[in-house]
């Protein structure tokens, strides 16, 4: 059962032709909506921590995990909100290292 060299490369050639087709290409800049339009549309219909809740004005849905929960208004200052986000990442990293240390001993 001899296999020809061409039959080994035929699937790869078909895949390469498919990747060059216009159906799989990324949309051009003219066909994509502006980033600000996408952000506003995502923020308008975003889920909140409590259904039918209007989130505070300072939480615009731009940060990961922003479900409109800030009952004390601690994130009203943009500089403090940025600091809180960084502190939360640092806390998560320490927690991951603690779990690795517990499981590794």
N, C-alpha and C. Protein backbone atom coordinates (compact mmCIF):
# COMPACT_ATOMS: atom_id res chain seq x y z
N UNK A 1 0.85 -1.18 0.00
CA UNK A 1 0.00 0.00 0.00
C UNK A 1 0.89 1.24 0.00
N UNK A 2 1.36 1.55 -1.13
CA UNK A 2 2.23 2.71 -1.26
C UNK A 2 1.38 3.97 -1.27
N UNK A 3 1.80 4.97 -0.54
CA UNK A 3 1.09 6.24 -0.46
C UNK A 3 1.90 7.26 -1.23
N UNK A 4 1.23 7.93 -2.11
CA UNK A 4 1.95 8.93 -2.88
C UNK A 4 2.23 10.17 -2.04
N UNK A 5 3.26 10.86 -2.38
CA UNK A 5 3.65 12.05 -1.66
C UNK A 5 2.60 13.15 -1.77
N UNK A 6 1.93 13.22 -2.92
CA UNK A 6 0.90 14.24 -3.12
C UNK A 6 -0.30 14.01 -2.21
N UNK A 7 -0.65 12.75 -1.96
CA UNK A 7 -1.82 12.47 -1.10
C UNK A 7 -1.54 12.85 0.35
N UNK A 8 -0.27 12.86 0.76
CA UNK A 8 0.05 13.28 2.12
C UNK A 8 -0.13 14.77 2.31
N UNK A 9 0.12 15.56 1.29
CA UNK A 9 0.05 17.01 1.40
C UNK A 9 -1.27 17.60 0.94
N UNK A 10 -2.15 16.81 0.35
CA UNK A 10 -3.42 17.32 -0.16
C UNK A 10 -4.26 17.96 0.94
N UNK A 11 -4.44 17.33 2.12
CA UNK A 11 -5.24 18.00 3.17
C UNK A 11 -4.62 19.33 3.60
N UNK A 12 -3.31 19.40 3.66
CA UNK A 12 -2.65 20.64 4.07
C UNK A 12 -2.82 21.72 3.02
N UNK A 13 -2.78 21.33 1.75
CA UNK A 13 -2.98 22.30 0.68
C UNK A 13 -4.41 22.83 0.70
N UNK A 14 -5.37 21.95 0.97
CA UNK A 14 -6.77 22.39 1.05
C UNK A 14 -6.96 23.35 2.21
N UNK A 15 -6.32 23.07 3.34
CA UNK A 15 -6.42 23.94 4.51
C UNK A 15 -5.80 25.30 4.21
N UNK A 16 -4.67 25.30 3.53
CA UNK A 16 -4.02 26.57 3.19
C UNK A 16 -4.90 27.38 2.25
N UNK A 17 -5.56 26.71 1.30
CA UNK A 17 -6.46 27.42 0.39
C UNK A 17 -7.65 27.99 1.15
N UNK A 18 -8.15 27.24 2.12
CA UNK A 18 -9.29 27.72 2.91
C UNK A 18 -8.89 28.93 3.75
N UNK A 19 -7.68 28.93 4.28
CA UNK A 19 -7.24 30.05 5.09
C UNK A 19 -7.03 31.32 4.26
N UNK A 20 -6.70 31.13 2.99
CA UNK A 20 -6.52 32.30 2.12
C UNK A 20 -7.86 32.84 1.62
N UNK A 21 -8.93 32.09 1.81
CA UNK A 21 -10.22 32.56 1.29
C UNK A 21 -10.70 33.76 2.10
N UNK A 22 -11.53 34.54 1.49
CA UNK A 22 -12.01 35.77 2.14
C UNK A 22 -12.99 35.49 3.26
N UNK A 23 -13.58 34.30 3.30
CA UNK A 23 -14.57 33.98 4.34
C UNK A 23 -13.92 33.89 5.71
N UNK A 24 -12.65 33.52 5.76
CA UNK A 24 -11.99 33.34 7.04
C UNK A 24 -11.13 34.53 7.45
N UNK A 25 -11.03 35.53 6.63
CA UNK A 25 -10.21 36.69 6.96
C UNK A 25 -10.90 37.57 7.98
N UNK A 26 -10.10 38.28 8.71
CA UNK A 26 -10.64 39.23 9.69
C UNK A 26 -11.33 40.37 8.95
N UNK A 27 -12.37 40.94 9.54
CA UNK A 27 -13.05 42.05 8.88
C UNK A 27 -12.12 43.25 8.73
N UNK A 28 -12.33 43.99 7.69
CA UNK A 28 -11.51 45.18 7.47
C UNK A 28 -11.94 46.28 8.42
N UNK A 29 -11.11 47.29 8.54
CA UNK A 29 -11.42 48.39 9.45
C UNK A 29 -12.73 49.07 9.09
N UNK A 30 -13.03 49.16 7.80
CA UNK A 30 -14.26 49.85 7.38
C UNK A 30 -15.50 49.09 7.79
N UNK A 31 -15.42 47.75 7.90
CA UNK A 31 -16.61 46.98 8.23
C UNK A 31 -16.79 46.78 9.72
N UNK A 32 -15.79 47.11 10.53
CA UNK A 32 -15.90 46.94 11.98
C UNK A 32 -16.50 48.18 12.61
N UNK A 33 -17.33 48.01 13.67
CA UNK A 33 -17.82 49.19 14.38
C UNK A 33 -16.70 49.81 15.21
N UNK A 34 -16.85 51.06 15.53
CA UNK A 34 -15.86 51.75 16.35
C UNK A 34 -15.82 51.12 17.74
N UNK A 35 -14.66 51.11 18.37
CA UNK A 35 -14.54 50.50 19.69
C UNK A 35 -15.43 51.17 20.72
N UNK A 36 -15.56 52.48 20.64
CA UNK A 36 -16.41 53.17 21.62
C UNK A 36 -17.86 52.76 21.47
N UNK A 37 -18.30 52.50 20.25
CA UNK A 37 -19.69 52.07 20.03
C UNK A 37 -19.92 50.69 20.64
N UNK A 38 -18.92 49.82 20.52
CA UNK A 38 -19.05 48.48 21.09
C UNK A 38 -19.08 48.56 22.60
N UNK A 39 -18.23 49.40 23.19
CA UNK A 39 -18.18 49.53 24.64
C UNK A 39 -19.49 50.08 25.19
N UNK A 40 -20.05 51.07 24.54
CA UNK A 40 -21.30 51.66 25.01
C UNK A 40 -22.44 50.66 24.90
N UNK A 41 -22.48 49.90 23.80
CA UNK A 41 -23.53 48.91 23.63
C UNK A 41 -23.41 47.82 24.68
N UNK A 42 -22.18 47.43 25.01
CA UNK A 42 -21.99 46.40 26.02
C UNK A 42 -22.37 46.91 27.40
N UNK A 43 -22.10 48.17 27.68
CA UNK A 43 -22.41 48.72 28.99
C UNK A 43 -23.90 48.94 29.16
N UNK A 44 -24.61 49.23 28.09
CA UNK A 44 -26.04 49.52 28.19
C UNK A 44 -26.84 48.28 28.57
N UNK A 45 -26.50 47.13 28.01
CA UNK A 45 -27.25 45.92 28.29
C UNK A 45 -26.49 44.94 29.15
N UNK A 46 -25.60 45.40 29.97
CA UNK A 46 -24.76 44.49 30.75
C UNK A 46 -25.51 43.91 31.94
N UNK A 47 -25.13 42.72 32.37
CA UNK A 47 -25.76 42.13 33.54
C UNK A 47 -25.30 42.82 34.82
N UNK A 48 -26.15 42.88 35.79
CA UNK A 48 -25.82 43.46 37.08
C UNK A 48 -25.92 42.39 38.16
N UNK A 49 -25.40 42.68 39.32
CA UNK A 49 -25.38 41.69 40.40
C UNK A 49 -26.79 41.40 40.90
N UNK A 50 -27.70 42.32 40.71
CA UNK A 50 -29.09 42.13 41.08
C UNK A 50 -29.93 42.50 39.86
N UNK A 51 -30.78 41.60 39.39
CA UNK A 51 -31.55 41.91 38.17
C UNK A 51 -32.37 43.19 38.31
N UNK A 52 -32.52 43.90 37.21
CA UNK A 52 -33.28 45.15 37.13
C UNK A 52 -32.70 46.24 38.02
N UNK A 53 -31.40 46.23 38.20
CA UNK A 53 -30.73 47.23 39.02
C UNK A 53 -30.02 48.22 38.12
N UNK A 54 -30.09 49.48 38.43
CA UNK A 54 -29.31 50.49 37.73
C UNK A 54 -27.99 50.65 38.46
N UNK A 55 -26.87 50.31 37.82
CA UNK A 55 -25.58 50.41 38.50
C UNK A 55 -25.21 51.87 38.76
N UNK A 56 -24.31 52.12 39.71
CA UNK A 56 -23.86 53.49 39.98
C UNK A 56 -23.23 54.12 38.73
N UNK A 57 -23.29 55.42 38.65
CA UNK A 57 -22.80 56.14 37.46
C UNK A 57 -21.30 55.97 37.26
N UNK A 58 -20.54 55.79 38.34
CA UNK A 58 -19.09 55.68 38.19
C UNK A 58 -18.65 54.29 37.73
N UNK A 59 -19.53 53.30 37.74
CA UNK A 59 -19.21 51.97 37.22
C UNK A 59 -19.83 51.85 35.84
N UNK A 60 -18.97 51.95 34.83
CA UNK A 60 -19.44 52.01 33.45
C UNK A 60 -19.37 50.67 32.73
N UNK A 61 -18.95 49.62 33.41
CA UNK A 61 -18.82 48.31 32.78
C UNK A 61 -17.56 48.13 31.97
N UNK A 62 -16.55 48.96 32.20
CA UNK A 62 -15.30 48.90 31.44
C UNK A 62 -14.29 47.94 32.05
N UNK A 63 -14.46 47.59 33.30
CA UNK A 63 -13.51 46.72 33.98
C UNK A 63 -14.04 45.29 34.00
N UNK A 64 -13.12 44.34 34.03
CA UNK A 64 -13.52 42.94 34.11
C UNK A 64 -14.21 42.68 35.45
N UNK A 65 -15.31 41.97 35.41
CA UNK A 65 -16.04 41.65 36.62
C UNK A 65 -16.89 42.77 37.16
N UNK A 66 -17.11 43.82 36.40
CA UNK A 66 -17.92 44.95 36.85
C UNK A 66 -19.39 44.63 36.62
N UNK A 67 -20.07 44.25 37.70
CA UNK A 67 -21.50 43.95 37.64
C UNK A 67 -22.31 45.01 38.38
N UNK A 68 -21.74 46.18 38.60
CA UNK A 68 -22.46 47.29 39.20
C UNK A 68 -22.62 47.18 40.70
N UNK A 69 -21.74 46.48 41.40
CA UNK A 69 -21.85 46.33 42.85
C UNK A 69 -20.85 47.26 43.53
N UNK A 70 -21.34 48.32 44.10
CA UNK A 70 -20.53 49.25 44.91
C UNK A 70 -21.48 49.97 45.85
N UNK A 71 -22.03 49.27 46.86
CA UNK A 71 -23.05 49.89 47.72
C UNK A 71 -22.52 51.03 48.57
N UNK A 72 -21.22 51.05 48.86
CA UNK A 72 -20.67 52.12 49.69
C UNK A 72 -20.07 53.25 48.87
N UNK A 73 -20.03 53.12 47.57
CA UNK A 73 -19.48 54.16 46.71
C UNK A 73 -17.98 54.32 46.83
N UNK A 74 -17.28 53.24 47.16
CA UNK A 74 -15.84 53.32 47.35
C UNK A 74 -15.08 53.57 46.06
N UNK A 75 -15.66 53.20 44.91
CA UNK A 75 -14.98 53.37 43.64
C UNK A 75 -15.36 54.64 42.90
N UNK A 76 -15.95 55.60 43.59
CA UNK A 76 -16.37 56.84 42.92
C UNK A 76 -15.17 57.64 42.41
N UNK A 77 -14.05 57.58 43.11
CA UNK A 77 -12.83 58.26 42.68
C UNK A 77 -12.08 57.34 41.71
N UNK A 78 -11.85 57.77 40.46
CA UNK A 78 -11.20 56.89 39.47
C UNK A 78 -9.80 56.43 39.90
N UNK A 79 -9.06 57.26 40.57
CA UNK A 79 -7.72 56.86 41.01
C UNK A 79 -7.80 55.77 42.06
N UNK A 80 -8.74 55.91 42.99
CA UNK A 80 -8.91 54.88 44.03
C UNK A 80 -9.44 53.58 43.43
N UNK A 81 -10.33 53.70 42.43
CA UNK A 81 -10.87 52.50 41.78
C UNK A 81 -9.75 51.72 41.10
N UNK A 82 -8.81 52.43 40.45
CA UNK A 82 -7.68 51.78 39.82
C UNK A 82 -6.80 51.11 40.87
N UNK A 83 -6.61 51.78 42.01
CA UNK A 83 -5.81 51.20 43.08
C UNK A 83 -6.49 49.95 43.64
N UNK A 84 -7.82 50.01 43.82
CA UNK A 84 -8.56 48.84 44.31
C UNK A 84 -8.43 47.66 43.36
N UNK A 85 -8.47 47.92 42.05
CA UNK A 85 -8.34 46.83 41.07
C UNK A 85 -6.96 46.20 41.17
N UNK A 86 -5.92 47.01 41.29
CA UNK A 86 -4.57 46.46 41.41
C UNK A 86 -4.40 45.71 42.73
N UNK A 87 -4.98 46.22 43.81
CA UNK A 87 -4.90 45.54 45.10
C UNK A 87 -5.60 44.19 45.04
N UNK A 88 -6.70 44.10 44.33
CA UNK A 88 -7.42 42.84 44.20
C UNK A 88 -6.59 41.82 43.41
N UNK A 89 -5.90 42.28 42.36
CA UNK A 89 -5.02 41.37 41.61
C UNK A 89 -3.87 40.88 42.49
N UNK A 90 -3.28 41.76 43.27
CA UNK A 90 -2.20 41.37 44.17
C UNK A 90 -2.69 40.36 45.20
N UNK A 91 -3.86 40.59 45.75
CA UNK A 91 -4.44 39.68 46.72
C UNK A 91 -4.66 38.30 46.09
N UNK A 92 -5.15 38.27 44.85
CA UNK A 92 -5.36 37.01 44.17
C UNK A 92 -4.06 36.26 43.91
N UNK A 93 -3.02 37.00 43.57
CA UNK A 93 -1.72 36.37 43.33
C UNK A 93 -1.14 35.77 44.61
N UNK A 94 -1.29 36.46 45.72
CA UNK A 94 -0.83 35.92 47.00
C UNK A 94 -1.64 34.68 47.38
N UNK A 95 -2.94 34.71 47.10
CA UNK A 95 -3.78 33.55 47.41
C UNK A 95 -3.38 32.33 46.58
N UNK A 96 -3.05 32.55 45.31
CA UNK A 96 -2.62 31.45 44.46
C UNK A 96 -1.31 30.87 44.98
N UNK A 97 -0.37 31.75 45.36
CA UNK A 97 0.90 31.26 45.89
C UNK A 97 0.70 30.50 47.21
N UNK A 98 -0.26 30.93 48.02
CA UNK A 98 -0.54 30.23 49.27
C UNK A 98 -1.07 28.83 49.01
N UNK A 99 -1.97 28.71 48.05
CA UNK A 99 -2.51 27.39 47.72
C UNK A 99 -1.42 26.48 47.18
N UNK A 100 -0.56 27.00 46.33
CA UNK A 100 0.55 26.21 45.81
C UNK A 100 1.47 25.77 46.96
N UNK A 101 1.71 26.68 47.90
CA UNK A 101 2.55 26.32 49.04
C UNK A 101 1.92 25.27 49.93
N UNK A 102 0.60 25.35 50.10
CA UNK A 102 -0.09 24.35 50.94
C UNK A 102 -0.07 22.98 50.25
N UNK A 103 -0.37 22.97 48.96
CA UNK A 103 -0.42 21.72 48.23
C UNK A 103 0.97 21.13 48.00
N UNK A 104 1.98 21.97 47.95
CA UNK A 104 3.34 21.50 47.69
C UNK A 104 4.08 21.03 48.93
N UNK A 105 3.49 21.21 50.11
CA UNK A 105 4.21 20.76 51.32
C UNK A 105 3.61 19.51 51.87
